[in-house]
C-alpha atoms as a PDB file:
ATOM      1  CA  UNK A   1       0.442   0.164   0.049  1.00  0.00           C
ATOM      2  CA  UNK A   2       2.880   2.272   0.592  1.00  0.00           C
ATOM      3  CA  UNK A   3       4.114   1.951  -2.652  1.00  0.00           C
ATOM      4  CA  UNK A   4       0.655   2.120  -4.135  1.00  0.00           C
ATOM      5  CA  UNK A   5       0.083   5.264  -2.487  1.00  0.00           C
ATOM      6  CA  UNK A   6       3.610   6.519  -3.896  1.00  0.00           C
ATOM      7  CA  UNK A   7       3.099   5.598  -7.237  1.00  0.00           C
ATOM      8  CA  UNK A   8      -0.275   8.187  -7.118  1.00  0.00           C
ATOM      9  CA  UNK A   9       1.645  10.835  -5.515  1.00  0.00           C
ATOM     10  CA  UNK A  10       3.867  10.249  -8.428  1.00  0.00           C
ATOM     11  CA  UNK A  11       1.785   9.847 -10.847  1.00  0.00           C
ATOM     12  CA  UNK A  12      -0.266  12.742 -10.109  1.00  0.00           C
ATOM     13  CA  UNK A  13       2.984  15.407 -10.318  1.00  0.00           C
ATOM     14  CA  UNK A  14       4.949  13.827 -12.873  1.00  0.00           C
ATOM     15  CA  UNK A  15       2.286  13.670 -15.396  1.00  0.00           C
ATOM     16  CA  UNK A  16      -0.544  16.386 -14.346  1.00  0.00           C
ATOM     17  CA  UNK A  17       1.314  19.014 -12.019  1.00  0.00           C
ATOM     18  CA  UNK A  18       4.755  19.133 -13.100  1.00  0.00           C
ATOM     19  CA  UNK A  19       3.254  19.717 -17.373  1.00  0.00           C
ATOM     20  CA  UNK A  20       2.793  23.443 -15.753  1.00  0.00           C
ATOM     21  CA  UNK A  21       6.305  24.159 -16.227  1.00  0.00           C
ATOM     22  CA  UNK A  22       6.504  22.834 -19.648  1.00  0.00           C
ATOM     23  CA  UNK A  23       3.443  24.663 -20.733  1.00  0.00           C
ATOM     24  CA  UNK A  24       4.916  27.639 -19.355  1.00  0.00           C
ATOM     25  CA  UNK A  25       8.138  27.085 -20.914  1.00  0.00           C
ATOM     26  CA  UNK A  26       9.754  26.864 -17.953  1.00  0.00           C
ATOM     27  CA  UNK A  27      11.618  23.573 -17.585  1.00  0.00           C
ATOM     28  CA  UNK A  28      14.599  24.941 -15.381  1.00  0.00           C
ATOM     29  CA  UNK A  29      11.790  25.847 -12.483  1.00  0.00           C
ATOM     30  CA  UNK A  30      10.925  22.217 -12.604  1.00  0.00           C
ATOM     31  CA  UNK A  31      14.167  21.521 -11.850  1.00  0.00           C
ATOM     32  CA  UNK A  32      14.270  24.006  -9.593  1.00  0.00           C
ATOM     33  CA  UNK A  33      11.174  22.410  -7.787  1.00  0.00           C
ATOM     34  CA  UNK A  34      12.985  18.910  -8.063  1.00  0.00           C
ATOM     35  CA  UNK A  35      15.875  19.195  -5.925  1.00  0.00           C
ATOM     36  CA  UNK A  36      14.649  19.741  -3.091  1.00  0.00           C
ATOM     37  CA  UNK A  37      12.717  16.603  -3.416  1.00  0.00           C
ATOM     38  CA  UNK A  38      15.792  14.555  -4.653  1.00  0.00           C
ATOM     39  CA  UNK A  39      18.012  16.372  -1.375  1.00  0.00           C
ATOM     40  CA  UNK A  40      14.773  15.030   0.887  1.00  0.00           C
ATOM     41  CA  UNK A  41      14.801  11.739  -0.778  1.00  0.00           C
ATOM     42  CA  UNK A  42      18.265  10.744  -0.561  1.00  0.00           C
ATOM     43  CA  UNK A  43      18.488  12.056   3.259  1.00  0.00           C
ATOM     44  CA  UNK A  44      15.560   9.896   4.241  1.00  0.00           C
ATOM     45  CA  UNK A  45      16.968   7.131   2.216  1.00  0.00           C
ATOM     46  CA  UNK A  46      20.457   6.824   4.262  1.00  0.00           C
ATOM     47  CA  UNK A  47      18.042   7.113   7.601  1.00  0.00           C
ATOM     48  CA  UNK A  48      15.400   4.928   7.153  1.00  0.00           C
ATOM     49  CA  UNK A  49      16.892   2.140   4.998  1.00  0.00           C
ATOM     50  CA  UNK A  50      19.265   0.711   7.192  1.00  0.00           C
ATOM     51  CA  UNK A  51      17.166   0.620  10.656  1.00  0.00           C
ATOM     52  CA  UNK A  52      13.756  -0.263   8.599  1.00  0.00           C
ATOM     53  CA  UNK A  53      14.860  -2.204   5.154  1.00  0.00           C
ATOM     54  CA  UNK A  54      12.851  -2.078   2.503  1.00  0.00           C
ATOM     55  CA  UNK A  55       9.808  -0.699   4.629  1.00  0.00           C
ATOM     56  CA  UNK A  56      12.333   2.669   5.073  1.00  0.00           C
ATOM     57  CA  UNK A  57      13.037   2.840   1.611  1.00  0.00           C
ATOM     58  CA  UNK A  58       8.738   2.927   0.819  1.00  0.00           C
ATOM     59  CA  UNK A  59       8.637   5.043   3.690  1.00  0.00           C
ATOM     60  CA  UNK A  60      10.998   7.864   1.786  1.00  0.00           C
ATOM     61  CA  UNK A  61       9.247   7.215  -1.240  1.00  0.00           C
ATOM     62  CA  UNK A  62       5.773   7.819  -0.539  1.00  0.00           C
ATOM     63  CA  UNK A  63       6.990  11.286   2.158  1.00  0.00           C
ATOM     64  CA  UNK A  64       9.657  12.494  -1.045  1.00  0.00           C
ATOM     65  CA  UNK A  65       6.458  12.360  -3.169  1.00  0.00           C
ATOM     66  CA  UNK A  66       4.010  13.625  -1.206  1.00  0.00           C
ATOM     67  CA  UNK A  67       6.917  16.930  -1.133  1.00  0.00           C
ATOM     68  CA  UNK A  68       7.209  16.477  -5.347  1.00  0.00           C
ATOM     69  CA  UNK A  69       3.055  16.529  -5.782  1.00  0.00           C
ATOM     70  CA  UNK A  70       2.812  19.976  -3.305  1.00  0.00           C
ATOM     71  CA  UNK A  71       5.548  21.611  -4.854  1.00  0.00           C
ATOM     72  CA  UNK A  72       4.614  20.773  -8.330  1.00  0.00           C
ATOM     73  CA  UNK A  73       0.959  22.264  -6.849  1.00  0.00           C
ATOM     74  CA  UNK A  74       2.092  25.543  -5.723  1.00  0.00           C
ATOM     75  CA  UNK A  75       4.918  25.836  -7.469  1.00  0.00           C
ATOM     76  CA  UNK A  76       3.691  25.244 -10.596  1.00  0.00           C
ATOM     77  CA  UNK A  77       0.362  27.840  -9.995  1.00  0.00           C
ATOM     78  CA  UNK A  78       2.709  30.464 -10.465  1.00  0.00           C
ATOM     79  CA  UNK A  79       3.539  29.550 -14.220  1.00  0.00           C
ATOM     80  CA  UNK A  80       0.494  27.724 -15.504  1.00  0.00           C
ATOM     81  CA  UNK A  81      -2.252  27.129 -13.674  1.00  0.00           C
ATOM     82  CA  UNK A  82      -3.498  23.609 -13.745  1.00  0.00           C
ATOM     83  CA  UNK A  83      -6.839  23.156 -12.771  1.00  0.00           C
ATOM     84  CA  UNK A  84      -7.889  19.733 -10.670  1.00  0.00           C
ATOM     85  CA  UNK A  85     -11.551  18.933 -10.451  1.00  0.00           C
ATOM     86  CA  UNK A  86     -11.426  17.344  -6.988  1.00  0.00           C
ATOM     87  CA  UNK A  87     -14.975  15.465  -7.290  1.00  0.00           C
ATOM     88  CA  UNK A  88     -12.788  13.341  -9.224  1.00  0.00           C
ATOM     89  CA  UNK A  89     -10.068  13.045  -7.152  1.00  0.00           C
ATOM     90  CA  UNK A  90     -11.958  12.287  -4.530  1.00  0.00           C
ATOM     91  CA  UNK A  91     -13.599   8.867  -6.554  1.00  0.00           C
ATOM     92  CA  UNK A  92     -10.227   7.784  -7.592  1.00  0.00           C
ATOM     93  CA  UNK A  93      -9.052   8.090  -4.355  1.00  0.00           C
ATOM     94  CA  UNK A  94     -12.125   6.176  -2.474  1.00  0.00           C
ATOM     95  CA  UNK A  95     -11.732   4.111  -5.606  1.00  0.00           C
ATOM     96  CA  UNK A  96      -8.367   3.143  -4.637  1.00  0.00           C
ATOM     97  CA  UNK A  97      -9.299   2.615  -0.790  1.00  0.00           C
ATOM     98  CA  UNK A  98     -11.433   0.166  -1.952  1.00  0.00           C
ATOM     99  CA  UNK A  99      -9.135  -1.837  -3.261  1.00  0.00           C
ATOM    100  CA  UNK A 100      -5.930  -1.649  -0.507  1.00  0.00           C
ATOM    101  CA  UNK A 101      -9.325  -2.694   2.100  1.00  0.00           C
ATOM    102  CA  UNK A 102     -10.608  -5.884  -0.125  1.00  0.00           C
ATOM    103  CA  UNK A 103      -6.764  -6.578  -0.653  1.00  0.00           C
ATOM    104  CA  UNK A 104      -5.526  -6.227   3.222  1.00  0.00           C
ATOM    105  CA  UNK A 105      -8.502  -8.247   4.199  1.00  0.00           C
ATOM    106  CA  UNK A 106      -7.670 -11.130   1.963  1.00  0.00           C
ATOM    107  CA  UNK A 107      -3.997 -11.006   3.371  1.00  0.00           C
ATOM    108  CA  UNK A 108      -3.040 -13.236   0.188  1.00  0.00           C
ATOM    109  CA  UNK A 109       0.502 -14.852   0.902  1.00  0.00           C
ATOM    110  CA  UNK A 110       3.901 -13.527  -0.014  1.00  0.00           C
ATOM    111  CA  UNK A 111       5.932 -14.797  -3.382  1.00  0.00           C
ATOM    112  CA  UNK A 112       5.846 -14.010  -7.224  1.00  0.00           C
ATOM    113  CA  UNK A 113       2.839 -15.626  -8.086  1.00  0.00           C
ATOM    114  CA  UNK A 114       0.678 -14.048  -5.718  1.00  0.00           C
ATOM    115  CA  UNK A 115       2.387 -10.618  -6.230  1.00  0.00           C
ATOM    116  CA  UNK A 116       1.167 -10.846  -9.712  1.00  0.00           C
ATOM    117  CA  UNK A 117      -2.421 -12.238  -8.209  1.00  0.00           C
ATOM    118  CA  UNK A 118      -2.486  -8.960  -6.332  1.00  0.00           C
ATOM    119  CA  UNK A 119      -1.559  -6.750  -9.238  1.00  0.00           C
ATOM    120  CA  UNK A 120      -4.277  -8.419 -10.796  1.00  0.00           C
ATOM    121  CA  UNK A 121      -7.195  -8.608  -8.450  1.00  0.00           C
ATOM    122  CA  UNK A 122      -6.019  -5.104  -7.635  1.00  0.00           C
ATOM    123  CA  UNK A 123      -6.668  -3.888 -11.010  1.00  0.00           C
ATOM    124  CA  UNK A 124      -9.599  -5.320 -11.418  1.00  0.00           C
ATOM    125  CA  UNK A 125     -11.361  -3.859  -8.089  1.00  0.00           C
ATOM    126  CA  UNK A 126     -10.472  -0.333  -8.718  1.00  0.00           C
ATOM    127  CA  UNK A 127     -11.684  -0.798 -12.256  1.00  0.00           C
ATOM    128  CA  UNK A 128     -15.058  -1.981 -10.885  1.00  0.00           C
ATOM    129  CA  UNK A 129     -14.636   0.677  -8.138  1.00  0.00           C
ATOM    130  CA  UNK A 130     -14.046   3.450 -11.232  1.00  0.00           C
ATOM    131  CA  UNK A 131     -16.909   2.168 -12.708  1.00  0.00           C
ATOM    132  CA  UNK A 132     -19.214   2.042  -9.897  1.00  0.00           C
ATOM    133  CA  UNK A 133     -18.383   5.524  -8.973  1.00  0.00           C
ATOM    134  CA  UNK A 134     -18.165   6.761 -12.802  1.00  0.00           C
ATOM    135  CA  UNK A 135     -15.043   7.984 -12.140  1.00  0.00           C
ATOM    136  CA  UNK A 136     -14.487  10.677 -15.154  1.00  0.00           C
ATOM    137  CA  UNK A 137     -17.850   9.403 -16.949  1.00  0.00           C
ATOM    138  CA  UNK A 138     -15.767   6.016 -17.477  1.00  0.00           C
ATOM    139  CA  UNK A 139     -19.310   4.342 -18.119  1.00  0.00           C
ATOM    140  CA  UNK A 140     -20.347   6.539 -20.858  1.00  0.00           C
ATOM    141  CA  UNK A 141     -16.873   5.951 -22.325  1.00  0.00           C
ATOM    142  CA  UNK A 142     -16.622   2.442 -22.035  1.00  0.00           C
ATOM    143  CA  UNK A 143     -20.217   2.187 -23.468  1.00  0.00           C
ATOM    144  CA  UNK A 144     -18.694   3.971 -26.382  1.00  0.00           C
ATOM    145  CA  UNK A 145     -15.816   2.199 -26.341  1.00  0.00           C
ATOM    146  CA  UNK A 146     -18.052  -0.904 -26.969  1.00  0.00           C
ATOM    147  CA  UNK A 147     -20.383   0.513 -29.287  1.00  0.00           C
ATOM    148  CA  UNK A 148     -23.350   0.099 -26.401  1.00  0.00           C
ATOM    149  CA  UNK A 149     -25.797   2.316 -25.366  1.00  0.00           C
ATOM    150  CA  UNK A 150     -24.826   4.719 -22.702  1.00  0.00           C
END
């Protein structure tokens, strides 16, 4: 779950909010936005990995991705404001929470085959949640894709 949370924040920061710097043609501002993130990541890894192992690395990643997301939102806004649909973001978080709760409840064993199973099951659960919550009007989009009446 820690890595999934970090990946979500990373995706939002890199694939959405950091685009503000590029759209404003200010790539050096993006570099300055990333420098504190890289520095904090290095410090946290040194501090946490020796004591906590892979769990420490996961915590360091989540903390730095949260910092990355906050900096990209705040600093990027001054270059090119990126709109955020809070209702859609909230629905995505609810779908992710349902996925997490279900996977934690199942408590599948460790190992590569089970990791593949967890990943596939997690994607399926999230997809069902996304359709149920109609995130970003995905039901209508899927209906159009499958040539079904909406």
